[in-house]
Amino acid sequence: MKLPSRPLCAALLVFFILAGCSPYSFKSGRQPLVKSIGIPLFKNQTPEFGLAEQLTEGITNGLVAENIIDVTDPSRAEGLLKGDVLTYKRSAYTYQADESVQEYLVEITIKAELVRRDGGEPLWSEAALRGWGVYSADTEIELDGQTRAIAKLTEEIVDRTVKGW
């Protein structure tokens, strides 16, 4: 078997070294649907206190963390992210051998849409997004389940807004 020539080996070595030093980014090559976004407080149609505030704050923090869209005052934003908290439900999720509840499931359903402030068709709209969170009956509180459900909703909304999925 014949080995490659020295100039070819040198050229390949230089190529691989330069390729290894090239910049790389984990950010998507996609452009966001809008350049700036305002997020009015979501409306809460449930008797559960504070859900709209938690959800609005979670989404705002998620978009700020992505650092792709400028989160600004709704009166100056190109797009508005509007929504309603539709339902809140807590139910038994798993049971122990003695039939006592081991884990609870918190489910939050929301309606959300991203619209241009100047009107027109929504850039995206979802009539029933569902987030859920499980928490242990022994060691955690219901707020832990709410936090997990809101985190799932936040991730879904940020992905739709930033990545245009």
Protein backbone atom coordinates (compact mmCIF):
# COMPACT_ATOMS: atom_id res chain seq x y z
CA MET A 1 0.00 0.00 0.00
CA LYS A 2 1.39 3.37 -1.01
CA LEU A 3 1.32 6.25 1.52
CA PRO A 4 0.23 9.76 0.46
CA SER A 5 2.94 12.21 -0.49
CA ARG A 6 4.39 14.65 2.04
CA PRO A 7 2.91 17.77 0.39
CA LEU A 8 -0.57 16.18 0.45
CA CYS A 9 -0.17 15.23 4.13
CA ALA A 10 1.04 18.75 4.96
CA ALA A 11 -1.91 20.31 3.11
CA LEU A 12 -4.40 18.05 4.90
CA LEU A 13 -2.80 18.82 8.26
CA VAL A 14 -3.07 22.57 7.65
CA PHE A 15 -6.69 22.17 6.49
CA PHE A 16 -7.72 20.26 9.64
CA ILE A 17 -5.92 22.69 11.94
CA LEU A 18 -7.62 25.69 10.32
CA ALA A 19 -11.01 23.96 10.28
CA GLY A 20 -10.66 23.23 13.99
CA CYS A 21 -9.95 26.89 14.74
CA SER A 22 -12.92 28.27 12.84
CA PRO A 23 -15.68 29.94 14.86
CA TYR A 24 -18.73 27.90 15.72
CA SER A 25 -22.06 28.98 17.11
CA PHE A 26 -24.90 27.08 18.72
CA LYS A 27 -27.38 29.79 17.71
CA SER A 28 -29.83 29.04 14.97
CA GLY A 29 -29.23 30.52 11.54
CA ARG A 30 -32.92 31.41 11.40
CA GLN A 31 -34.05 34.98 11.89
CA PRO A 32 -36.64 35.81 14.57
CA LEU A 33 -40.15 36.68 13.44
CA VAL A 34 -39.80 40.25 14.80
CA LYS A 35 -36.87 42.39 15.95
CA SER A 36 -38.54 43.75 19.08
CA ILE A 37 -41.35 42.37 21.19
CA GLY A 38 -43.65 43.66 23.88
CA ILE A 39 -45.37 41.31 26.29
CA PRO A 40 -48.50 42.68 27.93
CA LEU A 41 -49.56 40.86 31.09
CA PHE A 42 -51.37 37.64 30.16
CA LYS A 43 -55.00 37.48 31.26
CA ASN A 44 -55.87 34.89 33.90
CA GLN A 45 -59.21 33.14 33.37
CA THR A 46 -58.64 30.76 36.30
CA PRO A 47 -59.22 31.25 40.02
CA GLU A 48 -55.53 30.41 40.63
CA PHE A 49 -53.78 33.55 41.93
CA GLY A 50 -50.61 34.83 40.24
CA LEU A 51 -50.42 32.50 37.21
CA ALA A 52 -50.57 35.28 34.63
CA GLU A 53 -47.78 37.20 36.36
CA GLN A 54 -45.57 34.10 36.67
CA LEU A 55 -46.12 33.14 33.03
CA THR A 56 -45.53 36.65 31.68
CA GLU A 57 -42.35 36.98 33.74
CA GLY A 58 -41.13 33.52 32.65
CA ILE A 59 -41.65 34.28 28.96
CA THR A 60 -39.99 37.69 29.30
CA ASN A 61 -36.96 36.15 31.04
CA GLY A 62 -36.78 33.36 28.45
CA LEU A 63 -36.72 35.82 25.55
CA VAL A 64 -34.16 38.05 27.27
CA ALA A 65 -31.94 35.00 27.89
CA GLU A 66 -32.04 34.10 24.18
CA ASN A 67 -30.68 37.59 23.44
CA ILE A 68 -32.02 37.55 19.87
CA ILE A 69 -35.11 39.77 20.17
CA ASP A 70 -35.23 43.12 21.96
CA VAL A 71 -37.86 42.87 24.72
CA THR A 72 -39.30 46.34 25.12
CA ASP A 73 -42.37 48.35 26.08
CA PRO A 74 -45.44 47.15 24.13
CA SER A 75 -46.09 50.67 22.79
CA ARG A 76 -42.71 50.67 20.99
CA ALA A 77 -42.39 47.02 19.98
CA GLU A 78 -42.69 45.63 16.47
CA GLY A 79 -44.55 42.57 17.75
CA LEU A 80 -46.87 41.88 20.66
CA LEU A 81 -47.08 38.53 22.43
CA LYS A 82 -50.57 38.28 23.89
CA GLY A 83 -52.17 35.48 25.80
CA ASP A 84 -54.66 34.09 28.28
CA VAL A 85 -54.28 31.47 30.97
CA LEU A 86 -57.29 29.27 30.17
CA THR A 87 -57.20 26.38 32.63
CA TYR A 88 -55.35 25.21 35.71
CA LYS A 89 -55.68 21.66 36.96
CA ARG A 90 -54.00 19.68 39.72
CA SER A 91 -54.57 15.93 39.84
CA ALA A 92 -53.07 12.81 41.35
CA TYR A 93 -50.36 11.42 39.06
CA THR A 94 -48.89 8.37 40.79
CA TYR A 95 -49.91 6.37 43.85
CA GLN A 96 -48.04 4.41 46.50
CA ALA A 97 -48.86 0.80 47.42
CA ASP A 98 -51.22 1.99 50.19
CA GLU A 99 -53.12 4.02 47.55
CA SER A 100 -51.96 7.38 48.89
CA VAL A 101 -50.84 9.95 46.33
CA GLN A 102 -47.10 9.84 45.62
CA GLU A 103 -46.96 12.59 42.95
CA TYR A 104 -49.29 15.27 41.67
CA LEU A 105 -49.58 16.65 38.14
CA VAL A 106 -50.15 20.36 37.49
CA GLU A 107 -51.49 21.23 34.02
CA ILE A 108 -51.78 24.76 32.69
CA THR A 109 -53.40 25.51 29.33
CA ILE A 110 -52.95 28.86 27.65
CA LYS A 111 -53.93 30.65 24.48
CA ALA A 112 -51.16 32.76 22.93
CA GLU A 113 -50.38 34.65 19.74
CA LEU A 114 -47.67 36.83 18.31
CA VAL A 115 -49.02 39.74 16.27
CA ARG A 116 -47.45 42.76 14.64
CA ARG A 117 -48.34 45.89 16.55
CA ASP A 118 -49.48 47.56 13.33
CA GLY A 119 -52.11 44.85 12.78
CA GLY A 120 -52.53 42.11 10.26
CA GLU A 121 -52.55 38.34 10.57
CA PRO A 122 -50.87 36.77 13.60
CA LEU A 123 -47.30 35.60 12.99
CA TRP A 124 -48.25 32.54 15.03
CA SER A 125 -51.26 31.63 17.10
CA GLU A 126 -52.06 28.70 19.36
CA ALA A 127 -55.50 28.19 20.88
CA ALA A 128 -54.45 25.62 23.50
CA LEU A 129 -50.79 25.25 24.53
CA ARG A 130 -50.38 22.87 27.45
CA GLY A 131 -47.61 22.87 30.02
CA TRP A 132 -47.34 20.38 32.82
CA GLY A 133 -45.22 19.72 35.88
CA VAL A 134 -45.03 16.84 38.32
CA TYR A 135 -44.18 17.31 41.99
CA SER A 136 -43.73 14.92 44.89
CA ALA A 137 -46.51 14.86 47.48
CA ASP A 138 -43.94 14.20 50.23
CA THR A 139 -41.13 16.64 49.57
CA GLU A 140 -42.41 19.41 47.30
CA ILE A 141 -45.21 21.95 47.14
CA GLU A 142 -47.74 22.73 44.40
CA LEU A 143 -45.73 25.80 43.40
CA ASP A 144 -42.95 23.43 42.22
CA GLY A 145 -45.39 21.82 39.77
CA GLN A 146 -46.59 25.24 38.61
CA THR A 147 -43.00 26.37 38.04
CA ARG A 148 -42.27 23.29 35.91
CA ALA A 149 -45.45 23.74 33.88
CA ILE A 150 -44.65 27.41 33.26
CA ALA A 151 -41.09 26.50 32.25
CA LYS A 152 -42.45 24.12 29.58
CA LEU A 153 -44.86 26.76 28.28
CA THR A 154 -42.09 29.35 28.27
CA GLU A 155 -39.78 27.09 26.27
CA GLU A 156 -42.51 26.42 23.68
CA ILE A 157 -43.38 30.10 23.28
CA VAL A 158 -39.75 31.24 23.09
CA ASP A 159 -39.01 28.58 20.45
CA ARG A 160 -42.01 29.62 18.34
CA THR A 161 -41.10 33.30 18.62
CA VAL A 162 -37.34 33.15 18.18
CA LYS A 163 -36.97 30.21 15.83
CA GLY A 164 -40.21 30.64 13.92
CA TRP A 165 -41.28 27.01 14.31
